[in-house]
C-alpha atoms as a PDB file:
ATOM      1  CA  UNK A   1      -0.036  -0.016   0.000  1.00  0.00           C
ATOM      2  CA  UNK A   2       2.846   2.515  -0.966  1.00  0.00           C
ATOM      3  CA  UNK A   3       2.830   5.421  -3.228  1.00  0.00           C
ATOM      4  CA  UNK A   4       5.904   6.775  -5.165  1.00  0.00           C
ATOM      5  CA  UNK A   5       6.321  10.027  -6.948  1.00  0.00           C
ATOM      6  CA  UNK A   6       9.008  12.057  -8.868  1.00  0.00           C
ATOM      7  CA  UNK A   7       9.194  15.798  -9.086  1.00  0.00           C
ATOM      8  CA  UNK A   8      11.546  17.668 -11.372  1.00  0.00           C
ATOM      9  CA  UNK A   9      13.394  20.815 -10.737  1.00  0.00           C
ATOM     10  CA  UNK A  10      15.697  22.913 -12.993  1.00  0.00           C
ATOM     11  CA  UNK A  11      18.787  20.649 -12.753  1.00  0.00           C
ATOM     12  CA  UNK A  12      17.628  17.488 -11.103  1.00  0.00           C
ATOM     13  CA  UNK A  13      14.718  15.651  -9.596  1.00  0.00           C
ATOM     14  CA  UNK A  14      13.562  14.170  -6.245  1.00  0.00           C
ATOM     15  CA  UNK A  15      11.846  10.800  -5.794  1.00  0.00           C
ATOM     16  CA  UNK A  16       9.764  10.167  -2.688  1.00  0.00           C
ATOM     17  CA  UNK A  17       7.374   7.501  -1.301  1.00  0.00           C
ATOM     18  CA  UNK A  18       5.130   6.457   1.560  1.00  0.00           C
ATOM     19  CA  UNK A  19       6.035   3.326   3.356  1.00  0.00           C
ATOM     20  CA  UNK A  20       2.609   1.895   4.305  1.00  0.00           C
ATOM     21  CA  UNK A  21       2.789  -1.394   6.011  1.00  0.00           C
ATOM     22  CA  UNK A  22       0.381  -3.924   7.739  1.00  0.00           C
ATOM     23  CA  UNK A  23       2.351  -5.416  10.535  1.00  0.00           C
ATOM     24  CA  UNK A  24       4.586  -4.161  13.402  1.00  0.00           C
ATOM     25  CA  UNK A  25       8.045  -3.267  12.227  1.00  0.00           C
ATOM     26  CA  UNK A  26      11.150  -1.245  13.051  1.00  0.00           C
ATOM     27  CA  UNK A  27      13.001   0.639  10.375  1.00  0.00           C
ATOM     28  CA  UNK A  28      16.107   2.717  10.085  1.00  0.00           C
ATOM     29  CA  UNK A  29      18.667   4.238   7.668  1.00  0.00           C
ATOM     30  CA  UNK A  30      21.835   2.395   6.667  1.00  0.00           C
ATOM     31  CA  UNK A  31      24.943   3.327   4.650  1.00  0.00           C
ATOM     32  CA  UNK A  32      26.602   0.714   2.528  1.00  0.00           C
ATOM     33  CA  UNK A  33      30.254   1.242   1.500  1.00  0.00           C
ATOM     34  CA  UNK A  34      31.986   0.183  -1.712  1.00  0.00           C
ATOM     35  CA  UNK A  35      33.137  -3.382  -1.751  1.00  0.00           C
ATOM     36  CA  UNK A  36      30.677  -4.439   0.986  1.00  0.00           C
ATOM     37  CA  UNK A  37      29.431  -7.964   1.027  1.00  0.00           C
ATOM     38  CA  UNK A  38      25.659  -7.520   1.437  1.00  0.00           C
ATOM     39  CA  UNK A  39      24.386 -10.888   0.306  1.00  0.00           C
ATOM     40  CA  UNK A  40      24.956 -13.951  -1.922  1.00  0.00           C
ATOM     41  CA  UNK A  41      23.428 -14.744  -5.221  1.00  0.00           C
ATOM     42  CA  UNK A  42      21.198 -17.800  -5.644  1.00  0.00           C
ATOM     43  CA  UNK A  43      24.111 -19.935  -6.659  1.00  0.00           C
ATOM     44  CA  UNK A  44      26.019 -18.894  -3.450  1.00  0.00           C
ATOM     45  CA  UNK A  45      28.449 -16.448  -5.027  1.00  0.00           C
ATOM     46  CA  UNK A  46      29.015 -13.373  -2.860  1.00  0.00           C
ATOM     47  CA  UNK A  47      27.468 -10.004  -3.980  1.00  0.00           C
ATOM     48  CA  UNK A  48      29.621  -6.909  -3.356  1.00  0.00           C
ATOM     49  CA  UNK A  49      28.790  -3.284  -3.758  1.00  0.00           C
ATOM     50  CA  UNK A  50      30.506  -1.317  -6.514  1.00  0.00           C
ATOM     51  CA  UNK A  51      29.094   2.035  -5.417  1.00  0.00           C
ATOM     52  CA  UNK A  52      28.147   3.603  -2.178  1.00  0.00           C
ATOM     53  CA  UNK A  53      24.437   3.732  -1.121  1.00  0.00           C
ATOM     54  CA  UNK A  54      22.137   5.292   1.398  1.00  0.00           C
ATOM     55  CA  UNK A  55      18.629   3.962   2.157  1.00  0.00           C
ATOM     56  CA  UNK A  56      16.041   2.675   4.581  1.00  0.00           C
ATOM     57  CA  UNK A  57      15.639  -0.906   5.660  1.00  0.00           C
ATOM     58  CA  UNK A  58      13.711  -2.994   8.128  1.00  0.00           C
ATOM     59  CA  UNK A  59      15.127  -4.173  11.387  1.00  0.00           C
ATOM     60  CA  UNK A  60      18.645  -2.855  10.531  1.00  0.00           C
ATOM     61  CA  UNK A  61      19.090  -5.548   7.866  1.00  0.00           C
ATOM     62  CA  UNK A  62      20.775  -5.028   4.538  1.00  0.00           C
ATOM     63  CA  UNK A  63      17.849  -5.346   2.063  1.00  0.00           C
ATOM     64  CA  UNK A  64      16.993  -1.776   1.025  1.00  0.00           C
ATOM     65  CA  UNK A  65      13.466  -0.734   0.615  1.00  0.00           C
ATOM     66  CA  UNK A  66      14.374   2.614  -0.964  1.00  0.00           C
ATOM     67  CA  UNK A  67      17.705   4.323  -1.470  1.00  0.00           C
ATOM     68  CA  UNK A  68      20.154   6.555  -3.437  1.00  0.00           C
ATOM     69  CA  UNK A  69      23.672   5.846  -4.594  1.00  0.00           C
ATOM     70  CA  UNK A  70      26.683   8.049  -4.934  1.00  0.00           C
ATOM     71  CA  UNK A  71      25.904   8.845  -8.553  1.00  0.00           C
ATOM     72  CA  UNK A  72      22.345  10.008  -7.838  1.00  0.00           C
ATOM     73  CA  UNK A  73      20.496   6.896  -9.019  1.00  0.00           C
ATOM     74  CA  UNK A  74      17.375   6.551  -6.859  1.00  0.00           C
ATOM     75  CA  UNK A  75      15.227   3.498  -6.426  1.00  0.00           C
ATOM     76  CA  UNK A  76      12.183   2.426  -4.376  1.00  0.00           C
ATOM     77  CA  UNK A  77      10.287  -0.853  -4.001  1.00  0.00           C
ATOM     78  CA  UNK A  78       6.523  -1.302  -3.890  1.00  0.00           C
ATOM     79  CA  UNK A  79       4.461  -4.358  -3.242  1.00  0.00           C
ATOM     80  CA  UNK A  80       3.141  -5.920  -6.444  1.00  0.00           C
ATOM     81  CA  UNK A  81       0.978  -8.830  -5.710  1.00  0.00           C
ATOM     82  CA  UNK A  82       0.523 -11.475  -8.393  1.00  0.00           C
ATOM     83  CA  UNK A  83       0.480 -15.181  -9.357  1.00  0.00           C
ATOM     84  CA  UNK A  84       3.677 -16.889 -10.394  1.00  0.00           C
ATOM     85  CA  UNK A  85       5.506 -13.553 -10.992  1.00  0.00           C
ATOM     86  CA  UNK A  86       8.960 -15.262 -10.731  1.00  0.00           C
ATOM     87  CA  UNK A  87      10.557 -18.382 -11.960  1.00  0.00           C
ATOM     88  CA  UNK A  88      11.088 -21.257  -9.363  1.00  0.00           C
ATOM     89  CA  UNK A  89      14.525 -22.239 -10.674  1.00  0.00           C
ATOM     90  CA  UNK A  90      17.715 -20.587 -11.637  1.00  0.00           C
ATOM     91  CA  UNK A  91      19.069 -19.718 -14.965  1.00  0.00           C
ATOM     92  CA  UNK A  92      22.705 -20.485 -15.299  1.00  0.00           C
ATOM     93  CA  UNK A  93      23.231 -18.022 -18.080  1.00  0.00           C
ATOM     94  CA  UNK A  94      22.130 -15.015 -15.974  1.00  0.00           C
ATOM     95  CA  UNK A  95      22.752 -13.368 -12.618  1.00  0.00           C
ATOM     96  CA  UNK A  96      20.399 -15.092 -10.246  1.00  0.00           C
ATOM     97  CA  UNK A  97      19.093 -13.094  -7.434  1.00  0.00           C
ATOM     98  CA  UNK A  98      16.008 -12.716  -5.031  1.00  0.00           C
ATOM     99  CA  UNK A  99      13.615  -9.777  -5.512  1.00  0.00           C
ATOM    100  CA  UNK A 100      14.488  -9.029  -1.831  1.00  0.00           C
ATOM    101  CA  UNK A 101      18.012  -7.823  -2.897  1.00  0.00           C
ATOM    102  CA  UNK A 102      17.404  -6.474  -6.426  1.00  0.00           C
ATOM    103  CA  UNK A 103      17.184  -2.918  -5.224  1.00  0.00           C
ATOM    104  CA  UNK A 104      20.605  -3.366  -3.494  1.00  0.00           C
ATOM    105  CA  UNK A 105      22.000  -4.911  -6.597  1.00  0.00           C
ATOM    106  CA  UNK A 106      20.758  -2.093  -8.884  1.00  0.00           C
ATOM    107  CA  UNK A 107      21.737   0.848  -6.580  1.00  0.00           C
ATOM    108  CA  UNK A 108      25.238  -0.550  -5.910  1.00  0.00           C
ATOM    109  CA  UNK A 109      26.067  -1.652  -9.382  1.00  0.00           C
ATOM    110  CA  UNK A 110      24.652   0.929 -11.892  1.00  0.00           C
ATOM    111  CA  UNK A 111      25.397   4.652 -12.244  1.00  0.00           C
ATOM    112  CA  UNK A 112      22.135   5.486 -13.958  1.00  0.00           C
ATOM    113  CA  UNK A 113      18.925   4.286 -15.450  1.00  0.00           C
ATOM    114  CA  UNK A 114      20.535   3.614 -18.866  1.00  0.00           C
ATOM    115  CA  UNK A 115      23.064   1.159 -17.395  1.00  0.00           C
ATOM    116  CA  UNK A 116      20.322  -0.625 -15.388  1.00  0.00           C
ATOM    117  CA  UNK A 117      18.047  -1.029 -18.429  1.00  0.00           C
ATOM    118  CA  UNK A 118      20.932  -2.237 -20.604  1.00  0.00           C
ATOM    119  CA  UNK A 119      21.646  -5.041 -18.056  1.00  0.00           C
ATOM    120  CA  UNK A 120      18.048  -5.931 -17.234  1.00  0.00           C
ATOM    121  CA  UNK A 121      18.015  -8.990 -19.742  1.00  0.00           C
ATOM    122  CA  UNK A 122      20.876 -10.475 -17.749  1.00  0.00           C
ATOM    123  CA  UNK A 123      18.921 -10.447 -14.422  1.00  0.00           C
ATOM    124  CA  UNK A 124      16.982 -13.506 -13.408  1.00  0.00           C
ATOM    125  CA  UNK A 125      14.845 -13.561 -10.181  1.00  0.00           C
ATOM    126  CA  UNK A 126      13.957 -16.852  -8.750  1.00  0.00           C
ATOM    127  CA  UNK A 127      11.989 -18.063  -5.689  1.00  0.00           C
ATOM    128  CA  UNK A 128      14.521 -20.932  -5.187  1.00  0.00           C
ATOM    129  CA  UNK A 129      18.269 -21.295  -5.059  1.00  0.00           C
ATOM    130  CA  UNK A 130      20.385 -23.589  -7.040  1.00  0.00           C
ATOM    131  CA  UNK A 131      19.785 -26.268  -4.401  1.00  0.00           C
ATOM    132  CA  UNK A 132      16.083 -26.051  -5.013  1.00  0.00           C
ATOM    133  CA  UNK A 133      15.463 -24.535  -1.641  1.00  0.00           C
ATOM    134  CA  UNK A 134      12.992 -21.632  -1.285  1.00  0.00           C
ATOM    135  CA  UNK A 135      14.314 -18.130  -0.574  1.00  0.00           C
ATOM    136  CA  UNK A 136      12.590 -14.979   0.477  1.00  0.00           C
ATOM    137  CA  UNK A 137      11.395 -13.347  -2.666  1.00  0.00           C
ATOM    138  CA  UNK A 138       8.641 -10.736  -2.090  1.00  0.00           C
ATOM    139  CA  UNK A 139       6.287  -9.701  -4.809  1.00  0.00           C
ATOM    140  CA  UNK A 140       7.954  -6.422  -5.639  1.00  0.00           C
ATOM    141  CA  UNK A 141       8.247  -4.039  -8.453  1.00  0.00           C
ATOM    142  CA  UNK A 142      10.491  -0.956  -8.642  1.00  0.00           C
ATOM    143  CA  UNK A 143      10.696   2.669  -9.724  1.00  0.00           C
ATOM    144  CA  UNK A 144      14.055   4.239 -10.644  1.00  0.00           C
ATOM    145  CA  UNK A 145      15.138   7.755 -11.569  1.00  0.00           C
ATOM    146  CA  UNK A 146      18.541   9.475 -11.947  1.00  0.00           C
ATOM    147  CA  UNK A 147      19.988  12.980 -12.464  1.00  0.00           C
ATOM    148  CA  UNK A 148      18.972  13.108 -16.035  1.00  0.00           C
ATOM    149  CA  UNK A 149      15.356  12.877 -14.835  1.00  0.00           C
ATOM    150  CA  UNK A 150      14.658   9.718 -16.656  1.00  0.00           C
ATOM    151  CA  UNK A 151      12.181   7.567 -14.797  1.00  0.00           C
ATOM    152  CA  UNK A 152      11.287   3.984 -15.297  1.00  0.00           C
ATOM    153  CA  UNK A 153       9.143   1.143 -13.670  1.00  0.00           C
ATOM    154  CA  UNK A 154      10.642  -2.271 -13.487  1.00  0.00           C
ATOM    155  CA  UNK A 155       8.216  -5.103 -12.855  1.00  0.00           C
ATOM    156  CA  UNK A 156       7.927  -8.958 -13.366  1.00  0.00           C
ATOM    157  CA  UNK A 157       5.944 -10.063 -16.471  1.00  0.00           C
ATOM    158  CA  UNK A 158       6.068 -13.577 -17.817  1.00  0.00           C
ATOM    159  CA  UNK A 159       8.595 -14.485 -15.130  1.00  0.00           C
ATOM    160  CA  UNK A 160      11.050 -11.913 -16.533  1.00  0.00           C
ATOM    161  CA  UNK A 161      11.839  -8.363 -15.491  1.00  0.00           C
ATOM    162  CA  UNK A 162      10.479  -5.696 -17.986  1.00  0.00           C
ATOM    163  CA  UNK A 163      10.681  -1.888 -17.797  1.00  0.00           C
ATOM    164  CA  UNK A 164       8.286   0.842 -18.783  1.00  0.00           C
ATOM    165  CA  UNK A 165       9.283   4.484 -19.463  1.00  0.00           C
ATOM    166  CA  UNK A 166       7.436   6.564 -16.800  1.00  0.00           C
ATOM    167  CA  UNK A 167       6.714  10.075 -17.745  1.00  0.00           C
ATOM    168  CA  UNK A 168       3.839  10.007 -15.384  1.00  0.00           C
ATOM    169  CA  UNK A 169       6.312  10.016 -12.480  1.00  0.00           C
ATOM    170  CA  UNK A 170       4.043   7.833 -10.225  1.00  0.00           C
ATOM    171  CA  UNK A 171       3.959   4.216  -8.874  1.00  0.00           C
ATOM    172  CA  UNK A 172       1.641   2.503  -6.555  1.00  0.00           C
ATOM    173  CA  UNK A 173       0.891  -1.196  -6.366  1.00  0.00           C
ATOM    174  CA  UNK A 174      -0.832  -3.922  -8.447  1.00  0.00           C
ATOM    175  CA  UNK A 175      -2.274  -4.129 -11.021  1.00  0.00           C
ATOM    176  CA  UNK A 176       0.393  -3.648 -13.635  1.00  0.00           C
ATOM    177  CA  UNK A 177       1.691  -0.386 -14.825  1.00  0.00           C
ATOM    178  CA  UNK A 178       0.004  -0.559 -18.125  1.00  0.00           C
ATOM    179  CA  UNK A 179      -3.368  -1.163 -16.458  1.00  0.00           C
ATOM    180  CA  UNK A 180      -2.781   1.971 -14.351  1.00  0.00           C
ATOM    181  CA  UNK A 181      -2.194   4.091 -17.423  1.00  0.00           C
ATOM    182  CA  UNK A 182      -5.442   2.796 -19.068  1.00  0.00           C
ATOM    183  CA  UNK A 183      -7.388   3.738 -16.060  1.00  0.00           C
ATOM    184  CA  UNK A 184      -5.775   7.093 -15.776  1.00  0.00           C
ATOM    185  CA  UNK A 185      -6.613   7.978 -19.409  1.00  0.00           C
ATOM    186  CA  UNK A 186     -10.169   6.899 -18.895  1.00  0.00           C
ATOM    187  CA  UNK A 187     -10.413   9.244 -15.720  1.00  0.00           C
ATOM    188  CA  UNK A 188      -9.007  12.275 -17.345  1.00  0.00           C
ATOM    189  CA  UNK A 189      -7.485  13.879 -20.339  1.00  0.00           C
ATOM    190  CA  UNK A 190      -3.879  13.876 -19.353  1.00  0.00           C
ATOM    191  CA  UNK A 191      -2.953  16.447 -21.947  1.00  0.00           C
ATOM    192  CA  UNK A 192      -5.665  18.906 -20.650  1.00  0.00           C
ATOM    193  CA  UNK A 193      -5.569  18.618 -16.880  1.00  0.00           C
ATOM    194  CA  UNK A 194      -6.766  22.190 -16.440  1.00  0.00           C
ATOM    195  CA  UNK A 195     -10.264  21.148 -17.479  1.00  0.00           C
ATOM    196  CA  UNK A 196     -10.448  18.287 -14.925  1.00  0.00           C
ATOM    197  CA  UNK A 197     -12.760  19.032 -12.101  1.00  0.00           C
ATOM    198  CA  UNK A 198     -10.383  17.740  -9.316  1.00  0.00           C
ATOM    199  CA  UNK A 199     -12.614  18.972  -6.426  1.00  0.00           C
ATOM    200  CA  UNK A 200     -15.478  16.737  -7.600  1.00  0.00           C
ATOM    201  CA  UNK A 201     -14.076  13.797  -9.696  1.00  0.00           C
ATOM    202  CA  UNK A 202     -10.608  13.113  -8.224  1.00  0.00           C
ATOM    203  CA  UNK A 203     -10.719   9.535  -6.610  1.00  0.00           C
ATOM    204  CA  UNK A 204     -10.535   9.670  -2.787  1.00  0.00           C
ATOM    205  CA  UNK A 205      -9.947   6.004  -2.101  1.00  0.00           C
ATOM    206  CA  UNK A 206      -6.768   4.425  -1.039  1.00  0.00           C
ATOM    207  CA  UNK A 207      -6.674   1.350  -3.396  1.00  0.00           C
ATOM    208  CA  UNK A 208      -3.776   1.349  -5.730  1.00  0.00           C
ATOM    209  CA  UNK A 209      -5.626   2.491  -8.812  1.00  0.00           C
ATOM    210  CA  UNK A 210      -7.200   5.600  -6.988  1.00  0.00           C
ATOM    211  CA  UNK A 211      -3.909   6.434  -5.435  1.00  0.00           C
ATOM    212  CA  UNK A 212      -2.127   6.236  -8.869  1.00  0.00           C
ATOM    213  CA  UNK A 213      -4.648   8.687 -10.361  1.00  0.00           C
ATOM    214  CA  UNK A 214      -4.605  11.066  -7.272  1.00  0.00           C
ATOM    215  CA  UNK A 215      -0.760  11.079  -7.090  1.00  0.00           C
ATOM    216  CA  UNK A 216      -0.535  11.747 -10.848  1.00  0.00           C
ATOM    217  CA  UNK A 217      -2.765  14.596 -10.742  1.00  0.00           C
ATOM    218  CA  UNK A 218      -1.283  16.259  -7.616  1.00  0.00           C
ATOM    219  CA  UNK A 219       2.204  15.843  -8.916  1.00  0.00           C
ATOM    220  CA  UNK A 220       1.543  17.100 -12.435  1.00  0.00           C
ATOM    221  CA  UNK A 221      -0.560  20.075 -11.305  1.00  0.00           C
ATOM    222  CA  UNK A 222       1.946  21.062  -8.618  1.00  0.00           C
ATOM    223  CA  UNK A 223       3.599  24.483  -8.989  1.00  0.00           C
ATOM    224  CA  UNK A 224       6.886  24.175 -10.724  1.00  0.00           C
ATOM    225  CA  UNK A 225       9.981  23.671  -8.597  1.00  0.00           C
ATOM    226  CA  UNK A 226      13.003  25.748  -9.330  1.00  0.00           C
ATOM    227  CA  UNK A 227      15.485  24.102  -7.034  1.00  0.00           C
ATOM    228  CA  UNK A 228      15.822  21.038  -4.875  1.00  0.00           C
ATOM    229  CA  UNK A 229      14.506  22.408  -1.575  1.00  0.00           C
ATOM    230  CA  UNK A 230      11.345  23.554  -3.300  1.00  0.00           C
ATOM    231  CA  UNK A 231      11.003  20.004  -4.897  1.00  0.00           C
ATOM    232  CA  UNK A 232      11.465  18.387  -1.517  1.00  0.00           C
ATOM    233  CA  UNK A 233       8.972  20.595   0.076  1.00  0.00           C
ATOM    234  CA  UNK A 234       6.365  19.966  -2.687  1.00  0.00           C
ATOM    235  CA  UNK A 235       7.095  16.135  -2.459  1.00  0.00           C
ATOM    236  CA  UNK A 236       6.423  16.061   1.208  1.00  0.00           C
ATOM    237  CA  UNK A 237       3.124  18.028   0.818  1.00  0.00           C
ATOM    238  CA  UNK A 238       1.942  15.666  -1.873  1.00  0.00           C
ATOM    239  CA  UNK A 239       2.972  12.515  -0.123  1.00  0.00           C
ATOM    240  CA  UNK A 240       1.418  13.702   3.131  1.00  0.00           C
ATOM    241  CA  UNK A 241      -1.930  13.818   1.166  1.00  0.00           C
ATOM    242  CA  UNK A 242      -1.446  10.218   0.113  1.00  0.00           C
ATOM    243  CA  UNK A 243      -0.429   9.018   3.720  1.00  0.00           C
ATOM    244  CA  UNK A 244      -2.654   6.553   5.616  1.00  0.00           C
ATOM    245  CA  UNK A 245      -3.159   7.379   9.356  1.00  0.00           C
ATOM    246  CA  UNK A 246      -2.976   4.689  11.950  1.00  0.00           C
ATOM    247  CA  UNK A 247      -6.338   3.087  12.426  1.00  0.00           C
ATOM    248  CA  UNK A 248      -7.831   4.124   9.192  1.00  0.00           C
ATOM    249  CA  UNK A 249      -7.456   0.840   7.472  1.00  0.00           C
ATOM    250  CA  UNK A 250      -7.785  -2.384   9.595  1.00  0.00           C
ATOM    251  CA  UNK A 251      -5.958  -5.289   8.181  1.00  0.00           C
ATOM    252  CA  UNK A 252      -8.070  -8.452   9.118  1.00  0.00           C
ATOM    253  CA  UNK A 253      -5.500 -10.829   7.843  1.00  0.00           C
ATOM    254  CA  UNK A 254      -2.924  -9.658  10.405  1.00  0.00           C
ATOM    255  CA  UNK A 255      -5.312  -8.274  13.017  1.00  0.00           C
ATOM    256  CA  UNK A 256      -3.403  -4.965  12.834  1.00  0.00           C
ATOM    257  CA  UNK A 257      -3.585  -1.608  11.050  1.00  0.00           C
ATOM    258  CA  UNK A 258      -2.159  -0.708   7.700  1.00  0.00           C
ATOM    259  CA  UNK A 259      -0.740   2.777   7.811  1.00  0.00           C
ATOM    260  CA  UNK A 260       2.171   4.919   6.710  1.00  0.00           C
ATOM    261  CA  UNK A 261       5.251   4.345   8.849  1.00  0.00           C
ATOM    262  CA  UNK A 262       7.520   6.890   7.160  1.00  0.00           C
ATOM    263  CA  UNK A 263       7.669   9.241   4.188  1.00  0.00           C
ATOM    264  CA  UNK A 264      11.000   9.663   2.521  1.00  0.00           C
ATOM    265  CA  UNK A 265      12.304  11.802  -0.389  1.00  0.00           C
ATOM    266  CA  UNK A 266      15.666  11.504  -2.133  1.00  0.00           C
ATOM    267  CA  UNK A 267      17.475  14.014  -4.329  1.00  0.00           C
ATOM    268  CA  UNK A 268      19.448  13.179  -7.497  1.00  0.00           C
ATOM    269  CA  UNK A 269      21.688  16.242  -7.657  1.00  0.00           C
ATOM    270  CA  UNK A 270      22.898  16.280  -3.977  1.00  0.00           C
ATOM    271  CA  UNK A 271      22.585  12.436  -3.497  1.00  0.00           C
ATOM    272  CA  UNK A 272      20.588  13.272  -0.384  1.00  0.00           C
ATOM    273  CA  UNK A 273      18.357  11.116   1.784  1.00  0.00           C
ATOM    274  CA  UNK A 274      15.499  12.828   3.702  1.00  0.00           C
ATOM    275  CA  UNK A 275      12.946  11.043   5.889  1.00  0.00           C
ATOM    276  CA  UNK A 276      10.181  11.684   8.463  1.00  0.00           C
ATOM    277  CA  UNK A 277       8.205   9.220  10.654  1.00  0.00           C
ATOM    278  CA  UNK A 278       4.524   9.132  11.144  1.00  0.00           C
ATOM    279  CA  UNK A 279       4.965  10.193  14.812  1.00  0.00           C
ATOM    280  CA  UNK A 280       7.522  12.929  14.453  1.00  0.00           C
ATOM    281  CA  UNK A 281       7.044  15.905  11.957  1.00  0.00           C
ATOM    282  CA  UNK A 282      10.878  16.556  11.902  1.00  0.00           C
ATOM    283  CA  UNK A 283      12.362  15.796   8.496  1.00  0.00           C
ATOM    284  CA  UNK A 284      15.968  14.226   8.904  1.00  0.00           C
ATOM    285  CA  UNK A 285      18.607  14.304   6.200  1.00  0.00           C
ATOM    286  CA  UNK A 286      21.730  12.540   5.442  1.00  0.00           C
ATOM    287  CA  UNK A 287      24.241  12.799   2.579  1.00  0.00           C
ATOM    288  CA  UNK A 288      27.359  10.880   1.714  1.00  0.00           C
ATOM    289  CA  UNK A 289      29.485  13.832   3.012  1.00  0.00           C
ATOM    290  CA  UNK A 290      27.908  13.240   6.415  1.00  0.00           C
ATOM    291  CA  UNK A 291      29.442   9.781   6.679  1.00  0.00           C
ATOM    292  CA  UNK A 292      32.561   9.785   8.802  1.00  0.00           C
ATOM    293  CA  UNK A 293      33.927   6.367   7.873  1.00  0.00           C
ATOM    294  CA  UNK A 294      33.246   5.516   4.310  1.00  0.00           C
ATOM    295  CA  UNK A 295      34.695   2.078   4.483  1.00  0.00           C
ATOM    296  CA  UNK A 296      32.179   0.592   7.013  1.00  0.00           C
ATOM    297  CA  UNK A 297      28.479  -0.205   7.011  1.00  0.00           C
ATOM    298  CA  UNK A 298      26.701   2.207   9.311  1.00  0.00           C
ATOM    299  CA  UNK A 299      23.241   2.547  10.780  1.00  0.00           C
ATOM    300  CA  UNK A 300      21.213   5.584  11.769  1.00  0.00           C
ATOM    301  CA  UNK A 301      17.964   5.746  13.742  1.00  0.00           C
ATOM    302  CA  UNK A 302      15.179   8.389  13.673  1.00  0.00           C
ATOM    303  CA  UNK A 303      13.743   9.985  16.871  1.00  0.00           C
ATOM    304  CA  UNK A 304      10.243   8.640  16.768  1.00  0.00           C
ATOM    305  CA  UNK A 305       8.846  10.840  19.486  1.00  0.00           C
ATOM    306  CA  UNK A 306       6.840  13.903  18.576  1.00  0.00           C
ATOM    307  CA  UNK A 307       9.125  16.998  18.764  1.00  0.00           C
ATOM    308  CA  UNK A 308       8.562  20.709  18.335  1.00  0.00           C
ATOM    309  CA  UNK A 309      10.828  23.782  18.503  1.00  0.00           C
ATOM    310  CA  UNK A 310      10.073  26.980  20.381  1.00  0.00           C
ATOM    311  CA  UNK A 311       9.641  30.058  18.148  1.00  0.00           C
ATOM    312  CA  UNK A 312      12.471  32.594  18.529  1.00  0.00           C
END
């Protein structure tokens, strides 16, 4: 139940997302240095980082949920529920990896979207390793953007990874990206948004299709951002409108609430991570220049208590 958006500014762009989750969890920021062994592939060969990356993870574990690398490539994961999305066996002619670690692989291997797309035919995601044993392989799809402002969605189709150019600058959850675009174009004339009656006809639901349409409209109709701080501010305003408060959606499967745990926004030009929790309005930021020891994996934790500052 997550929503991702991209907002351009004059010489870069920002990419942000809501992290909506249905069970209790802890999350934090991690820094991955170059040449760091973060996992093994499905054959058992070690996977090392080529580039540095910053991002958010669950339970201080290495799989990233969203992040940025030292070249300004940004990526986010979103749930993408489906049936038989991935193969159940490895392909010896390709790089075999779980969907859990594909974002790590992409952010620490590629400089930009062009490199990622060029290498996509060489990637094989499987739910089992070379021994035939099951591995953790969540139903994910991904959105990537880089300093050139190119944005793509990568998702499984026919047990392979395919990509879609994403000039719409939005990603939510299932159904597939093409289905979202068809629904969007049935709802409004995307080339004439000024005539759309948003106060009356904009979807108000929190299902993926409604959120896709709403996020698209809010993003495209937002005032133009000239520089990165304006874009960051606008992204947080839009994502706050997409956020789900605790208690709004009751998840009967897990006997818990589905709600937005954090909102984060990354910047391509300054290679910057920013994030705020659902309980604390403070926006925290971290850049690669803030890392004291660039050769070690490091973790950072948000203050989750509600905080304010006295007016001066």
